[in-house]
C-alpha atoms as a PDB file:
ATOM      1  CA  MET A   1      74.958  22.147  38.899  1.00  0.00           C
ATOM      2  CA  THR A   2      73.685  20.840  35.776  1.00  0.00           C
ATOM      3  CA  ALA A   3      72.157  24.252  34.917  1.00  0.00           C
ATOM      4  CA  ALA A   4      75.484  25.716  35.346  1.00  0.00           C
ATOM      5  CA  ILE A   5      77.241  23.209  33.007  1.00  0.00           C
ATOM      6  CA  GLU A   6      74.457  23.788  30.251  1.00  0.00           C
ATOM      7  CA  ARG A   7      75.603  27.576  30.374  1.00  0.00           C
ATOM      8  CA  LEU A   8      79.188  26.898  29.532  1.00  0.00           C
ATOM      9  CA  GLY A   9      80.401  26.882  26.058  1.00  0.00           C
ATOM     10  CA  ILE A  10      82.040  23.583  26.318  1.00  0.00           C
ATOM     11  CA  ASN A  11      84.494  22.461  23.260  1.00  0.00           C
ATOM     12  CA  LYS A  12      85.732  19.399  24.339  1.00  0.00           C
ATOM     13  CA  ALA A  13      84.207  17.275  27.229  1.00  0.00           C
ATOM     14  CA  LEU A  14      86.244  14.499  28.614  1.00  0.00           C
ATOM     15  CA  ILE A  15      84.419  12.101  30.422  1.00  0.00           C
ATOM     16  CA  SER A  16      85.575   9.175  32.524  1.00  0.00           C
ATOM     17  CA  ALA A  17      83.615   6.216  33.500  1.00  0.00           C
ATOM     18  CA  ALA A  18      83.861   3.173  35.761  1.00  0.00           C
ATOM     19  CA  GLY A  19      82.538   0.818  33.188  1.00  0.00           C
ATOM     20  CA  VAL A  20      81.803   0.228  29.684  1.00  0.00           C
ATOM     21  CA  ASP A  21      79.480  -2.480  28.313  1.00  0.00           C
ATOM     22  CA  LEU A  22      78.798  -2.326  24.360  1.00  0.00           C
ATOM     23  CA  GLU A  23      75.253  -3.573  25.266  1.00  0.00           C
ATOM     24  CA  ARG A  24      74.188  -1.587  27.936  1.00  0.00           C
ATOM     25  CA  GLY A  25      76.371   1.547  27.364  1.00  0.00           C
ATOM     26  CA  VAL A  26      78.679   3.681  29.940  1.00  0.00           C
ATOM     27  CA  SER A  27      78.392   3.587  33.609  1.00  0.00           C
ATOM     28  CA  CYS A  28      79.870   5.066  36.998  1.00  0.00           C
ATOM     29  CA  PHE A  29      79.423   4.366  40.381  1.00  0.00           C
ATOM     30  CA  HIS A  30      77.677   7.128  41.843  1.00  0.00           C
ATOM     31  CA  PHE A  31      74.217   8.345  40.761  1.00  0.00           C
ATOM     32  CA  HIS A  32      75.174  11.913  41.657  1.00  0.00           C
ATOM     33  CA  GLU A  33      77.490  11.976  38.760  1.00  0.00           C
ATOM     34  CA  VAL A  34      75.111  11.047  36.270  1.00  0.00           C
ATOM     35  CA  ALA A  35      73.445  14.665  35.606  1.00  0.00           C
ATOM     36  CA  PRO A  36      76.574  16.387  35.419  1.00  0.00           C
ATOM     37  CA  LYS A  37      78.042  14.057  33.117  1.00  0.00           C
ATOM     38  CA  GLN A  38      74.946  14.044  31.086  1.00  0.00           C
ATOM     39  CA  ALA A  39      74.514  17.529  30.972  1.00  0.00           C
ATOM     40  CA  ALA A  40      78.328  17.856  29.731  1.00  0.00           C
ATOM     41  CA  ILE A  41      78.016  15.531  27.152  1.00  0.00           C
ATOM     42  CA  ALA A  42      74.574  17.437  25.995  1.00  0.00           C
ATOM     43  CA  THR A  43      76.437  20.728  25.870  1.00  0.00           C
ATOM     44  CA  ALA A  44      79.901  20.166  24.156  1.00  0.00           C
ATOM     45  CA  MET A  45      80.666  20.241  20.737  1.00  0.00           C
ATOM     46  CA  GLN A  46      82.872  17.140  20.933  1.00  0.00           C
ATOM     47  CA  ARG A  47      82.577  14.217  23.497  1.00  0.00           C
ATOM     48  CA  LEU A  48      85.471  12.134  24.367  1.00  0.00           C
ATOM     49  CA  LEU A  49      85.404   8.863  26.977  1.00  0.00           C
ATOM     50  CA  VAL A  50      88.446   8.414  28.594  1.00  0.00           C
ATOM     51  CA  VAL A  51      88.941   4.927  29.996  1.00  0.00           C
ATOM     52  CA  ASP A  52      91.486   2.291  30.580  1.00  0.00           C
ATOM     53  CA  ALA A  53      91.359  -1.185  29.581  1.00  0.00           C
ATOM     54  CA  SER A  54      90.119  -2.333  33.104  1.00  0.00           C
ATOM     55  CA  LYS A  55      86.899  -0.383  32.307  1.00  0.00           C
ATOM     56  CA  PHE A  56      85.796  -2.414  29.270  1.00  0.00           C
ATOM     57  CA  GLY A  57      83.212  -5.356  29.983  1.00  0.00           C
ATOM     58  CA  VAL A  58      82.594  -3.743  33.466  1.00  0.00           C
ATOM     59  CA  ILE A  59      78.874  -3.002  34.457  1.00  0.00           C
ATOM     60  CA  ARG A  60      78.174  -0.267  37.366  1.00  0.00           C
ATOM     61  CA  PRO A  61      75.170   0.840  39.125  1.00  0.00           C
ATOM     62  CA  ALA A  62      74.569   4.606  37.395  1.00  0.00           C
ATOM     63  CA  TYR A  63      74.374   4.545  33.717  1.00  0.00           C
ATOM     64  CA  PHE A  64      74.970   7.583  32.066  1.00  0.00           C
ATOM     65  CA  ALA A  65      75.456   7.447  28.302  1.00  0.00           C
ATOM     66  CA  SER A  66      75.598   4.979  25.516  1.00  0.00           C
ATOM     67  CA  LEU A  67      78.936   4.379  23.514  1.00  0.00           C
ATOM     68  CA  ASP A  68      77.022   6.489  20.546  1.00  0.00           C
ATOM     69  CA  ASP A  69      77.076   9.415  22.620  1.00  0.00           C
ATOM     70  CA  PHE A  70      80.834   9.878  22.248  1.00  0.00           C
ATOM     71  CA  ASP A  71      82.632  11.027  19.233  1.00  0.00           C
ATOM     72  CA  VAL A  72      86.009   9.367  20.368  1.00  0.00           C
ATOM     73  CA  VAL A  73      87.053   6.700  22.847  1.00  0.00           C
ATOM     74  CA  VAL A  74      90.718   7.296  24.469  1.00  0.00           C
ATOM     75  CA  THR A  75      92.150   4.227  25.890  1.00  0.00           C
ATOM     76  CA  ASP A  76      95.396   2.622  26.547  1.00  0.00           C
ATOM     77  CA  ASP A  77      96.808   0.139  24.231  1.00  0.00           C
ATOM     78  CA  GLN A  78      95.534  -2.650  26.062  1.00  0.00           C
ATOM     79  CA  GLY A  79      91.766  -0.785  25.700  1.00  0.00           C
ATOM     80  CA  ALA A  80      90.013  -3.561  23.552  1.00  0.00           C
ATOM     81  CA  PRO A  81      89.850  -1.237  20.500  1.00  0.00           C
ATOM     82  CA  GLN A  82      88.733  -4.314  18.371  1.00  0.00           C
ATOM     83  CA  LEU A  83      85.539  -4.276  20.555  1.00  0.00           C
ATOM     84  CA  LEU A  84      84.877  -0.540  19.606  1.00  0.00           C
ATOM     85  CA  GLU A  85      85.998  -0.797  15.881  1.00  0.00           C
ATOM     86  CA  GLY A  86      83.588   0.696  13.664  1.00  0.00           C
ATOM     87  CA  THR A  87      81.383   2.090  16.756  1.00  0.00           C
ATOM     88  CA  VAL A  88      83.405   5.621  17.535  1.00  0.00           C
ATOM     89  CA  GLU A  89      86.827   6.577  16.677  1.00  0.00           C
ATOM     90  CA  VAL A  90      89.443   5.269  19.218  1.00  0.00           C
ATOM     91  CA  CYS A  91      92.461   6.969  20.170  1.00  0.00           C
ATOM     92  CA  LEU A  92      95.272   4.888  21.897  1.00  0.00           C
ATOM     93  CA  ARG A  93      97.321   6.553  24.504  1.00  0.00           C
END
């Protein structure tokens, strides 16, 4: 699957996560999600992390990226934008 993703011309990758920790990075529950997410992040021209407030400060078993790998974090107004200030662009929705 990752080879197929790498052949795509991805303009914007909208990536979800189950956990976002400022120190340890962005994680999900399932290890089979890691390679496709990493391929999409590597291939895309712009990378957007889409997470709600409940994901901040949460650590899940399968790490797939650091916050620095994303251009924008899209979150709700409870999504701890003050924690992300200065690291990436934050878009509140």
